[in-house]
Amino acid sequence: MDSDDKASNIMHMTMAQYQQHVEKEYQAMREKSTKKRVADRILGIDWNLGLAARQVADLDLTFYQDHAHLKTWKVFRLDYKDQGLPKEPLDASQIENTLAHHLSPYFNNHVQAKQDEELIWIRISVNDGLAPNTLPASSTVIYFIWFTNSEYLLSGTIKAEWRDFILAAILRLFRASEAEEWPLSGKSPSSLAELLLRKESQGAHSRYRLNQLDDNPLSQTTKKRKKEDPQDKYAQGMPDIQAVDIKRIARRDHFVATYFGPNKQPSLSKVDIQLHLPFTLQSTEFTLGRLTRQPFPIKISMEGLNVIDGLKDMIPLGLNTSNQALPPFLSELHSMAANSLTVDLEEGSDSKQRITKGD
């Protein structure tokens, strides 16, 4: 088919047929062409008069849906006081129109929202001083992620001079009384959702949520389970390497099963802990230390691909040299919905700890 016939066919296509045609063309180019050829096609043929703000926003949101880890997401908790969550659910189009309306008294803006299963991505572009047919700078674009039908909202970076205006518009949009910055941040929206929305079913309780239970517990059939040899597990089958005391290994495995469970942990790349401990030479003299000295502050920061998984892996490897399990502020991180903690001794008790979320 020559170019004239192809152009004639395109002229007689319906809009739906043309969209399918363009999608096929771009799919073929994605597999065989360079980025330059794709860009030339966009700017020279399909959108030679330029891209609309909605098209730019849609491309931007699609990119960050696939690369959310490029941003650090902070958590805001919407406080509804005694009213509770609104009964009428918000969809993407309502969020776009309502938020743009509430922001319009403060600055020119473009708002776009996009549904992604249980998330709604929100993009706010502040267009004050933006020349026509010019792309907004990345510093003038603010991103939010709302976990639908919940009180939690993730936020990217917001310029200080816009923060109050944007949060005021967010409160009016969701009909909330206050937006509290929660002591939790991370690079994975899915892991943050696990920590915030499913904090009661993490660790050992995760197997109930994931239905990892006996399908027929009343069955009389004997279930044969393969026993794992600790020598193979910890010495990796090398006969010249002797495993540690079997009782100690069993105790470590018990700690892992009790506090972390069998499943992968939610991802946290950084955890900050402020410890307030008694200033005393002997750890058993907690009461004396509290009565005679001010608490001694210690700041602990842990970073890695997944701090919680790292803590879990420490136990079977024997890196936790104590005969006891990890302290609660470490073993219960998966259920705290926070990665910034303050830990004090509990008043009136030398053996317990008081854990407060935030610095």
Protein backbone atom coordinates (compact mmCIF):
# COMPACT_ATOMS: atom_id res chain seq x y z
CA MET A 1 0.00 0.00 0.00
CA ASP A 2 1.54 3.34 -1.04
CA SER A 3 1.48 6.45 1.15
CA ASP A 4 -1.50 8.03 -0.69
CA ASP A 5 -3.68 4.96 -0.16
CA LYS A 6 -2.60 4.75 3.48
CA ALA A 7 -3.46 8.42 4.03
CA SER A 8 -6.85 7.90 2.38
CA ASN A 9 -7.62 4.99 4.66
CA ILE A 10 -6.71 7.04 7.71
CA MET A 11 -9.02 9.84 6.58
CA HIS A 12 -11.99 7.44 6.58
CA MET A 13 -11.27 5.92 10.01
CA THR A 14 -13.49 6.56 13.00
CA MET A 15 -11.82 7.99 16.09
CA ALA A 16 -11.75 4.57 17.78
CA GLN A 17 -10.22 2.98 14.67
CA TYR A 18 -7.62 5.75 14.44
CA GLN A 19 -6.66 5.30 18.09
CA GLN A 20 -6.18 1.56 17.53
CA HIS A 21 -4.11 2.32 14.42
CA VAL A 22 -1.86 4.76 16.32
CA GLU A 23 -1.42 2.30 19.20
CA LYS A 24 -0.27 -0.41 16.76
CA GLU A 25 2.14 2.00 15.09
CA TYR A 26 3.71 3.02 18.39
CA GLN A 27 3.86 -0.56 19.66
CA ALA A 28 5.77 -1.55 16.53
CA MET A 29 8.09 1.44 16.96
CA ARG A 30 8.63 0.59 20.62
CA GLU A 31 9.96 -2.83 19.67
CA LYS A 32 12.10 -1.77 16.70
CA SER A 33 12.78 1.97 16.73
CA THR A 34 15.00 4.35 18.67
CA LYS A 35 13.71 6.97 21.11
CA LYS A 36 14.62 9.66 18.58
CA ARG A 37 12.39 8.15 15.90
CA VAL A 38 9.50 7.92 18.36
CA ALA A 39 10.00 11.57 19.39
CA ASP A 40 10.20 12.64 15.73
CA ARG A 41 6.95 10.79 15.03
CA ILE A 42 5.20 12.49 17.97
CA LEU A 43 6.39 16.02 17.16
CA GLY A 44 6.35 15.78 13.37
CA ILE A 45 3.21 13.78 12.55
CA ASP A 46 0.73 12.93 15.28
CA TRP A 47 1.05 16.04 17.43
CA ASN A 48 2.83 18.52 15.17
CA LEU A 49 0.96 21.42 16.78
CA GLY A 50 2.27 20.46 20.21
CA LEU A 51 1.03 18.42 23.14
CA ALA A 52 -1.85 19.56 25.32
CA ALA A 53 -1.33 19.94 29.07
CA ARG A 54 -3.47 16.86 29.63
CA GLN A 55 -1.28 14.74 27.34
CA VAL A 56 1.89 15.92 29.09
CA ALA A 57 0.37 15.18 32.49
CA ASP A 58 -0.79 11.73 31.41
CA LEU A 59 2.69 10.84 30.11
CA ASP A 60 4.24 12.16 33.34
CA LEU A 61 1.91 10.15 35.58
CA THR A 62 2.42 7.01 33.52
CA PHE A 63 6.20 7.39 33.92
CA TYR A 64 6.02 7.76 37.71
CA GLN A 65 3.61 4.86 38.02
CA ASP A 66 6.38 2.70 36.58
CA HIS A 67 9.22 4.51 38.40
CA ALA A 68 7.74 5.54 41.75
CA HIS A 69 11.03 4.64 43.46
CA LEU A 70 12.63 7.77 41.99
CA LYS A 71 10.81 9.85 44.60
CA THR A 72 10.72 9.75 48.38
CA TRP A 73 7.07 9.68 49.44
CA LYS A 74 5.95 11.27 52.70
CA VAL A 75 2.72 10.25 54.42
CA PHE A 76 -0.13 12.55 55.42
CA ARG A 77 -2.94 11.30 57.60
CA LEU A 78 -6.27 13.07 57.07
CA ASP A 79 -8.08 13.73 60.33
CA TYR A 80 -11.87 13.72 60.05
CA LYS A 81 -12.48 14.26 63.80
CA ASP A 82 -15.80 12.63 64.73
CA GLN A 83 -17.25 12.68 61.22
CA GLY A 84 -15.41 9.66 59.84
CA LEU A 85 -14.54 9.07 56.20
CA PRO A 86 -16.99 10.60 53.69
CA LYS A 87 -19.54 8.06 52.50
CA GLU A 88 -19.52 9.32 48.91
CA PRO A 89 -16.39 7.96 47.17
CA LEU A 90 -14.26 10.29 45.06
CA ASP A 91 -13.25 9.31 41.55
CA ALA A 92 -10.41 10.70 39.43
CA SER A 93 -12.54 13.20 37.48
CA GLN A 94 -14.09 14.61 40.68
CA ILE A 95 -10.63 15.04 42.19
CA GLU A 96 -9.38 16.88 39.09
CA ASN A 97 -12.28 19.34 38.90
CA THR A 98 -12.66 19.99 42.64
CA LEU A 99 -8.97 20.39 43.40
CA ALA A 100 -8.40 22.69 40.41
CA HIS A 101 -11.34 24.82 41.58
CA HIS A 102 -9.99 25.11 45.15
CA LEU A 103 -6.48 25.98 43.91
CA SER A 104 -7.56 28.56 41.31
CA PRO A 105 -7.77 31.51 43.81
CA TYR A 106 -4.09 30.98 44.68
CA PHE A 107 -2.39 30.34 41.31
CA ASN A 108 -2.93 29.13 37.76
CA ASN A 109 -2.82 25.37 37.78
CA HIS A 110 -3.47 22.17 35.91
CA VAL A 111 -4.65 19.13 37.86
CA GLN A 112 -4.79 15.60 36.55
CA ALA A 113 -5.74 12.42 38.40
CA LYS A 114 -5.38 8.82 37.28
CA GLN A 115 -6.86 5.67 38.81
CA ASP A 116 -4.50 2.74 39.31
CA GLU A 117 -6.42 -0.08 41.03
CA GLU A 118 -6.64 0.97 44.72
CA LEU A 119 -4.55 4.12 44.18
CA ILE A 120 -5.38 7.46 42.63
CA TRP A 121 -2.37 9.41 41.39
CA ILE A 122 -2.76 13.19 41.51
CA ARG A 123 -0.55 15.63 39.61
CA ILE A 124 -0.69 19.38 40.29
CA SER A 125 1.19 21.69 37.94
CA VAL A 126 1.60 25.30 39.11
CA ASN A 127 1.59 27.37 35.93
CA ASP A 128 2.10 30.92 37.23
CA GLY A 129 4.56 32.69 34.93
CA LEU A 130 4.67 29.76 32.49
CA ALA A 131 5.00 30.89 28.87
CA PRO A 132 2.57 29.42 26.29
CA ASN A 133 3.59 26.09 24.73
CA THR A 134 6.25 25.58 27.42
CA LEU A 135 6.68 22.52 29.57
CA PRO A 136 6.51 23.19 33.32
CA ALA A 137 9.72 22.75 35.30
CA SER A 138 9.86 19.64 37.46
CA SER A 139 10.08 21.85 40.58
CA THR A 140 6.62 23.31 39.81
CA VAL A 141 4.89 19.91 39.72
CA ILE A 142 3.53 18.28 42.90
CA TYR A 143 2.48 14.63 43.13
CA PHE A 144 0.10 12.92 45.53
CA ILE A 145 -1.06 9.31 45.82
CA TRP A 146 -4.33 8.63 47.60
CA PHE A 147 -5.17 5.17 48.92
CA THR A 148 -8.85 5.12 47.96
CA ASN A 149 -11.40 5.04 50.80
CA SER A 150 -8.66 5.58 53.37
CA GLU A 151 -7.31 8.43 55.48
CA TYR A 152 -3.79 8.22 54.07
CA LEU A 153 -2.20 10.27 51.33
CA LEU A 154 1.36 10.10 49.96
CA SER A 155 3.10 13.27 48.87
CA GLY A 156 6.19 14.17 46.91
CA THR A 157 8.16 17.36 47.55
CA ILE A 158 6.11 20.55 48.01
CA LYS A 159 7.72 24.00 47.82
CA ALA A 160 7.44 25.82 51.13
CA GLU A 161 5.69 28.84 49.58
CA TRP A 162 2.92 26.62 48.13
CA ARG A 163 2.56 24.12 50.96
CA ASP A 164 -0.18 25.88 52.99
CA PHE A 165 -2.29 26.65 49.92
CA ILE A 166 -2.06 23.14 48.51
CA LEU A 167 -2.81 21.44 51.84
CA ALA A 168 -5.77 23.78 52.38
CA ALA A 169 -7.15 22.71 48.99
CA ILE A 170 -6.50 19.03 49.84
CA LEU A 171 -8.47 19.38 53.10
CA ARG A 172 -11.42 20.94 51.26
CA LEU A 173 -11.27 18.23 48.61
CA PHE A 174 -11.41 15.38 51.13
CA ARG A 175 -13.60 17.30 53.65
CA ALA A 176 -11.05 16.70 56.39
CA SER A 177 -10.24 18.88 59.40
CA GLU A 178 -6.47 18.48 59.44
CA ALA A 179 -3.62 16.89 57.48
CA GLU A 180 -1.08 15.45 59.90
CA GLU A 181 2.38 14.61 58.58
CA TRP A 182 2.92 11.01 59.64
CA PRO A 183 6.39 9.78 60.76
CA LEU A 184 6.72 7.45 57.79
CA SER A 185 8.35 7.83 54.38
CA GLY A 186 9.70 5.54 51.70
CA LYS A 187 10.24 4.95 48.02
CA SER A 188 7.69 2.16 47.45
CA PRO A 189 3.99 3.15 47.49
CA SER A 190 2.97 -0.52 47.63
CA SER A 191 5.11 -1.14 50.74
CA LEU A 192 3.80 2.04 52.36
CA ALA A 193 0.27 0.78 51.69
CA GLU A 194 1.17 -2.50 53.43
CA LEU A 195 2.56 -0.64 56.45
CA LEU A 196 -0.37 1.77 56.73
CA LEU A 197 -3.41 -0.25 55.71
CA ARG A 198 -2.42 -3.74 56.82
CA LYS A 199 -0.29 -3.06 59.89
CA GLU A 200 -2.42 -5.42 62.00
CA SER A 201 -1.69 -8.37 59.71
CA GLN A 202 2.08 -8.21 59.26
CA GLY A 203 4.79 -10.46 60.65
CA ALA A 204 3.55 -13.84 61.83
CA HIS A 205 -0.07 -12.75 61.25
CA SER A 206 0.53 -12.27 57.51
CA ARG A 207 -0.16 -15.94 56.84
CA TYR A 208 -3.76 -15.44 57.94
CA ARG A 209 -4.21 -12.53 55.53
CA LEU A 210 -2.59 -14.47 52.70
CA ASN A 211 -4.58 -17.63 53.52
CA GLN A 212 -1.48 -19.73 54.14
CA LEU A 213 -3.27 -22.07 56.51
CA ASP A 214 -4.32 -25.70 56.57
CA ASP A 215 -7.30 -26.05 54.20
CA ASN A 216 -8.72 -28.90 56.25
CA PRO A 217 -7.49 -28.76 59.86
CA LEU A 218 -9.96 -31.47 61.01
CA SER A 219 -8.67 -34.05 58.57
CA GLN A 220 -7.29 -37.22 60.18
CA THR A 221 -4.77 -37.68 57.38
CA THR A 222 -1.23 -37.46 58.64
CA LYS A 223 0.62 -34.66 56.92
CA LYS A 224 4.19 -35.61 56.24
CA ARG A 225 6.61 -32.75 56.53
CA LYS A 226 10.17 -32.90 55.41
CA LYS A 227 12.46 -32.22 58.31
CA GLU A 228 15.25 -29.81 57.54
CA ASP A 229 18.67 -30.69 58.84
CA PRO A 230 20.13 -27.65 60.63
CA GLN A 231 23.57 -28.80 59.48
CA ASP A 232 22.49 -28.40 55.86
CA LYS A 233 20.62 -25.15 56.53
CA TYR A 234 23.40 -23.25 58.27
CA ALA A 235 26.56 -25.04 57.08
CA GLN A 236 25.25 -25.39 53.50
CA GLY A 237 26.11 -29.09 53.43
CA MET A 238 29.84 -28.59 54.00
CA PRO A 239 30.99 -31.41 56.29
CA ASP A 240 34.00 -29.50 57.56
CA ILE A 241 31.79 -26.70 58.93
CA GLN A 242 30.07 -27.48 62.22
CA ALA A 243 26.74 -25.87 63.00
CA VAL A 244 26.18 -23.97 66.23
CA ASP A 245 24.40 -25.64 69.13
CA ILE A 246 21.11 -27.09 67.80
CA LYS A 247 19.09 -25.60 70.67
CA ARG A 248 20.41 -22.15 69.85
CA ILE A 249 19.50 -22.62 66.18
CA ALA A 250 16.00 -23.74 67.12
CA ARG A 251 15.62 -20.68 69.34
CA ARG A 252 16.65 -18.39 66.49
CA ASP A 253 14.16 -20.02 64.12
CA HIS A 254 11.45 -19.62 66.76
CA PHE A 255 12.20 -15.90 67.05
CA VAL A 256 11.98 -15.45 63.26
CA ALA A 257 8.67 -17.35 63.03
CA THR A 258 7.17 -15.54 66.02
CA TYR A 259 8.07 -11.97 65.16
CA PHE A 260 8.48 -11.87 61.38
CA GLY A 261 6.63 -14.87 59.97
CA PRO A 262 7.37 -16.71 56.72
CA ASN A 263 6.61 -13.94 54.20
CA LYS A 264 8.61 -11.08 52.70
CA GLN A 265 8.52 -7.94 54.84
CA PRO A 266 7.26 -4.53 53.69
CA SER A 267 10.11 -2.45 52.33
CA LEU A 268 11.63 0.37 54.35
CA SER A 269 14.91 1.79 53.06
CA LYS A 270 15.62 3.93 56.14
CA VAL A 271 14.72 3.84 59.84
CA ASP A 272 15.64 6.52 62.39
CA ILE A 273 15.43 5.70 66.10
CA GLN A 274 16.06 8.09 68.98
CA LEU A 275 16.91 6.10 72.13
CA HIS A 276 16.68 7.67 75.58
CA LEU A 277 18.53 5.32 77.91
CA PRO A 278 19.59 5.67 81.57
CA PHE A 279 23.11 7.00 81.99
CA THR A 280 24.50 4.21 84.13
CA LEU A 281 27.40 1.79 83.88
CA GLN A 282 25.34 -1.29 84.71
CA SER A 283 22.36 -2.03 82.52
CA THR A 284 20.47 -3.53 85.46
CA GLU A 285 20.53 -0.29 87.43
CA PHE A 286 17.73 1.32 85.41
CA THR A 287 15.94 2.83 88.40
CA LEU A 288 19.14 4.31 89.83
CA GLY A 289 20.04 5.76 86.45
CA ARG A 290 16.63 7.37 86.03
CA LEU A 291 16.69 8.88 89.53
CA THR A 292 20.21 10.24 89.45
CA ARG A 293 20.98 11.10 85.82
CA GLN A 294 19.22 12.47 82.80
CA PRO A 295 18.46 9.91 80.06
CA PHE A 296 21.36 9.44 77.69
CA PRO A 297 20.27 10.10 74.05
CA ILE A 298 21.48 7.81 71.26
CA LYS A 299 20.53 8.30 67.60
CA ILE A 300 20.42 5.16 65.43
CA SER A 301 19.96 5.29 61.66
CA MET A 302 19.63 2.13 59.56
CA GLU A 303 19.62 2.20 55.76
CA GLY A 304 19.50 -0.48 53.08
CA LEU A 305 17.33 -2.07 50.42
CA ASN A 306 14.94 -3.31 53.12
CA VAL A 307 15.76 -2.63 56.76
CA ILE A 308 13.03 -4.93 58.11
CA ASP A 309 14.16 -7.89 55.99
CA GLY A 310 17.73 -7.17 57.10
CA LEU A 311 16.74 -7.34 60.77
CA LYS A 312 14.92 -10.59 60.11
CA ASP A 313 17.97 -12.08 58.39
CA MET A 314 20.27 -11.10 61.28
CA ILE A 315 18.66 -13.61 63.65
CA PRO A 316 19.31 -16.96 61.87
CA LEU A 317 22.80 -15.78 60.92
CA GLY A 318 23.61 -15.30 64.61
CA LEU A 319 24.37 -11.58 64.25
CA ASN A 320 21.98 -10.91 67.12
CA THR A 321 24.24 -12.25 69.87
CA SER A 322 21.65 -11.89 72.62
CA ASN A 323 19.82 -14.97 73.80
CA GLN A 324 16.65 -12.91 73.67
CA ALA A 325 14.69 -11.77 70.62
CA LEU A 326 15.17 -8.31 69.16
CA PRO A 327 13.66 -5.48 71.25
CA PRO A 328 10.09 -4.48 70.31
CA PHE A 329 11.13 -1.28 68.56
CA LEU A 330 12.97 -3.48 66.03
CA SER A 331 10.95 -6.71 65.92
CA GLU A 332 7.64 -4.85 65.50
CA LEU A 333 8.72 -2.33 62.86
CA HIS A 334 6.50 -4.04 60.26
CA SER A 335 3.41 -3.20 62.34
CA MET A 336 4.20 0.34 63.52
CA ALA A 337 3.44 2.27 60.31
CA ALA A 338 6.41 4.51 61.10
CA ASN A 339 10.13 4.67 60.39
CA SER A 340 10.91 7.51 62.79
CA LEU A 341 10.68 6.43 66.44
CA THR A 342 11.54 7.66 69.92
CA VAL A 343 12.17 4.94 72.53
CA ASP A 344 12.13 5.60 76.31
CA LEU A 345 11.99 3.41 79.35
CA GLU A 346 8.42 3.16 80.53
CA GLU A 347 7.72 5.06 83.75
CA GLY A 348 7.43 2.75 86.74
CA SER A 349 8.89 -0.25 84.94
CA ASP A 350 12.53 -1.07 84.33
CA SER A 351 11.88 -3.91 81.92
CA LYS A 352 9.55 -2.27 79.39
CA GLN A 353 10.04 0.35 76.74
CA ARG A 354 7.78 3.21 75.68
CA ILE A 355 7.77 3.65 71.91
CA THR A 356 6.57 6.93 70.40
CA LYS A 357 6.16 7.48 66.67
CA GLY A 358 8.11 10.47 65.44
CA ASP A 359 11.20 12.29 66.69
